[in-house]
């Protein structure tokens, strides 16, 4: 092997080592509030991809106000886009099975995360969401942005008290 080839291989190895860790999902430092399992390739625990609140806050944030069928007035929601959370776990599949602390379960087409600005909200009206009122996490669609989202189909895909997502 020539010196040039060895140098090229060494440089490639150094570059890969430096850049592969930049995409790694960091270990949680606080309490896990969301676990993504199933078809994920980026895991930070034996359970799959776990997120604490600080990790969700580090992702790009989305804020919108929308009316929901559960409240009289529009609510301001804040959190990362669902597609960004899934990308952090390097998830791929066709179906998301969301489970809540209260045992509610719903099935969401994976494509909804691409087609709509669905967020994993951790704030309502600029306040953390307590478990007793729908928290700590709430998958919410921007219902007011498209008429098609104001239907039972999408309302049922919203999950408050979200604790886990299984990617199938």
Protein backbone atom coordinates (compact mmCIF):
# COMPACT_ATOMS: atom_id res chain seq x y z
CA UNK A 1 0.00 0.00 0.00
CA UNK A 2 1.37 3.37 -0.95
CA UNK A 3 1.90 6.20 1.49
CA UNK A 4 -0.75 8.24 -0.33
CA UNK A 5 -3.36 5.46 0.08
CA UNK A 6 -2.49 5.01 3.77
CA UNK A 7 -2.74 8.75 4.32
CA UNK A 8 -6.10 8.88 2.54
CA UNK A 9 -7.46 5.96 4.58
CA UNK A 10 -6.20 7.48 7.83
CA UNK A 11 -7.77 10.84 6.96
CA UNK A 12 -11.07 9.15 6.12
CA UNK A 13 -11.05 7.29 9.45
CA UNK A 14 -10.35 10.48 11.38
CA UNK A 15 -13.14 12.31 9.52
CA UNK A 16 -15.63 9.48 10.13
CA UNK A 17 -14.78 9.32 13.84
CA UNK A 18 -15.14 13.07 14.20
CA UNK A 19 -18.45 13.27 12.34
CA UNK A 20 -20.21 10.08 13.38
CA UNK A 21 -20.43 11.18 17.01
CA UNK A 22 -22.05 14.46 15.94
CA UNK A 23 -25.12 12.50 14.90
CA UNK A 24 -25.23 10.20 17.92
CA UNK A 25 -28.16 10.50 20.25
CA UNK A 26 -26.73 11.65 23.55
CA UNK A 27 -27.47 9.74 26.75
CA UNK A 28 -30.30 11.18 28.81
CA UNK A 29 -29.26 13.23 31.81
CA UNK A 30 -32.70 13.76 33.32
CA UNK A 31 -35.82 11.66 33.60
CA UNK A 32 -36.86 9.94 30.37
CA UNK A 33 -40.19 11.41 29.26
CA UNK A 34 -40.35 9.84 25.78
CA UNK A 35 -39.13 6.49 24.51
CA UNK A 36 -39.11 5.57 20.83
CA UNK A 37 -38.78 1.88 20.03
CA UNK A 38 -39.18 -0.37 17.01
CA UNK A 39 -37.59 0.66 13.72
CA UNK A 40 -35.01 3.08 15.09
CA UNK A 41 -31.30 2.91 14.38
CA UNK A 42 -30.10 5.60 16.80
CA UNK A 43 -30.49 4.28 20.34
CA UNK A 44 -29.14 5.61 23.60
CA UNK A 45 -30.47 2.88 25.89
CA UNK A 46 -31.45 -0.76 25.88
CA UNK A 47 -35.06 0.42 25.48
CA UNK A 48 -34.42 2.35 22.27
CA UNK A 49 -34.18 6.11 21.83
CA UNK A 50 -34.96 7.88 25.09
CA UNK A 51 -35.47 11.61 25.44
CA UNK A 52 -35.51 13.81 28.49
CA UNK A 53 -36.99 17.30 28.37
CA UNK A 54 -33.62 18.99 27.78
CA UNK A 55 -33.03 16.83 24.68
CA UNK A 56 -36.43 17.78 23.24
CA UNK A 57 -35.72 21.44 23.97
CA UNK A 58 -32.44 21.23 22.00
CA UNK A 59 -34.26 20.22 18.82
CA UNK A 60 -35.57 22.98 16.51
CA UNK A 61 -38.75 24.37 18.06
CA UNK A 62 -42.16 25.06 16.56
CA UNK A 63 -44.86 27.21 18.10
CA UNK A 64 -48.44 27.62 16.93
CA UNK A 65 -51.86 28.44 18.29
CA UNK A 66 -54.82 26.33 17.33
CA UNK A 67 -58.31 25.49 18.47
CA UNK A 68 -58.82 21.97 19.71
CA UNK A 69 -62.02 20.05 20.35
CA UNK A 70 -61.02 19.82 24.03
CA UNK A 71 -60.79 23.53 24.86
CA UNK A 72 -63.01 26.57 24.26
CA UNK A 73 -60.20 28.95 23.28
CA UNK A 74 -57.19 28.51 20.99
CA UNK A 75 -54.14 27.08 22.76
CA UNK A 76 -50.54 28.05 22.07
CA UNK A 77 -48.37 24.91 21.79
CA UNK A 78 -44.58 24.68 21.73
CA UNK A 79 -42.27 21.75 21.04
CA UNK A 80 -40.18 20.08 18.36
CA UNK A 81 -41.72 18.81 15.17
CA UNK A 82 -42.56 15.12 15.36
CA UNK A 83 -40.48 14.56 12.21
CA UNK A 84 -37.42 16.06 13.96
CA UNK A 85 -37.87 13.80 16.99
CA UNK A 86 -38.16 10.78 14.68
CA UNK A 87 -35.09 11.93 12.71
CA UNK A 88 -33.07 12.20 15.94
CA UNK A 89 -33.84 8.52 16.57
CA UNK A 90 -33.24 7.73 12.89
CA UNK A 91 -36.68 6.16 12.75
CA UNK A 92 -38.19 4.83 9.56
CA UNK A 93 -41.37 2.92 9.00
CA UNK A 94 -44.98 3.28 7.96
CA UNK A 95 -46.82 3.46 11.28
CA UNK A 96 -46.36 5.12 14.65
CA UNK A 97 -48.08 3.60 17.67
CA UNK A 98 -48.33 6.31 20.31
CA UNK A 99 -49.04 5.33 23.91
CA UNK A 100 -50.03 7.63 26.74
CA UNK A 101 -49.58 7.47 30.51
CA UNK A 102 -53.33 6.91 30.85
CA UNK A 103 -53.09 3.85 28.53
CA UNK A 104 -54.65 5.66 25.56
CA UNK A 105 -53.17 4.36 22.32
CA UNK A 106 -53.45 5.68 18.80
CA UNK A 107 -51.98 4.84 15.44
CA UNK A 108 -50.46 7.60 13.32
CA UNK A 109 -49.30 7.13 9.74
CA UNK A 110 -45.55 7.86 9.59
CA UNK A 111 -46.28 10.15 6.62
CA UNK A 112 -48.31 12.51 8.85
CA UNK A 113 -45.00 13.63 10.37
CA UNK A 114 -43.85 14.64 6.88
CA UNK A 115 -47.12 16.04 5.55
CA UNK A 116 -48.10 18.21 8.54
CA UNK A 117 -46.22 20.28 11.12
CA UNK A 118 -47.23 17.92 13.95
CA UNK A 119 -45.40 18.75 17.15
CA UNK A 120 -44.52 16.96 20.34
CA UNK A 121 -45.62 19.79 22.61
CA UNK A 122 -44.19 20.21 26.08
CA UNK A 123 -45.73 23.66 26.63
CA UNK A 124 -49.28 24.97 26.44
CA UNK A 125 -49.74 28.74 26.65
CA UNK A 126 -46.05 29.18 27.52
CA UNK A 127 -46.27 26.84 30.52
CA UNK A 128 -45.01 23.27 31.02
CA UNK A 129 -47.86 20.81 30.63
CA UNK A 130 -48.62 19.07 33.94
CA UNK A 131 -49.55 15.39 33.81
CA UNK A 132 -52.97 16.15 35.30
CA UNK A 133 -53.91 18.37 32.35
CA UNK A 134 -52.41 16.54 29.33
CA UNK A 135 -48.67 16.47 29.94
CA UNK A 136 -45.86 16.17 30.01
CA UNK A 137 -46.03 15.68 26.23
CA UNK A 138 -48.84 16.11 23.73
CA UNK A 139 -48.77 15.13 20.05
CA UNK A 140 -50.78 17.90 18.45
CA UNK A 141 -51.63 18.76 14.87
CA UNK A 142 -51.95 22.38 13.68
CA UNK A 143 -55.72 21.93 13.31
CA UNK A 144 -56.41 25.49 12.18
CA UNK A 145 -54.00 25.36 9.22
CA UNK A 146 -56.02 22.98 7.03
CA UNK A 147 -59.69 22.08 6.99
CA UNK A 148 -58.86 18.38 6.61
CA UNK A 149 -57.13 18.43 10.03
CA UNK A 150 -60.34 19.51 11.76
CA UNK A 151 -61.80 16.02 11.79
CA UNK A 152 -62.18 13.08 14.14
CA UNK A 153 -59.46 11.22 12.23
CA UNK A 154 -56.78 13.73 13.25
CA UNK A 155 -58.24 14.50 16.66
CA UNK A 156 -57.96 10.78 17.52
CA UNK A 157 -54.31 10.75 16.35
CA UNK A 158 -53.45 13.41 18.90
CA UNK A 159 -52.15 11.89 22.09
CA UNK A 160 -51.72 13.75 25.34
CA UNK A 161 -49.78 12.33 28.27
CA UNK A 162 -47.54 10.80 25.59
CA UNK A 163 -44.94 8.40 26.98
CA UNK A 164 -43.81 6.27 24.04
CA UNK A 165 -43.89 5.76 20.29
CA UNK A 166 -43.32 2.42 18.61
CA UNK A 167 -42.23 2.69 14.98
CA UNK A 168 -43.44 -0.12 12.74
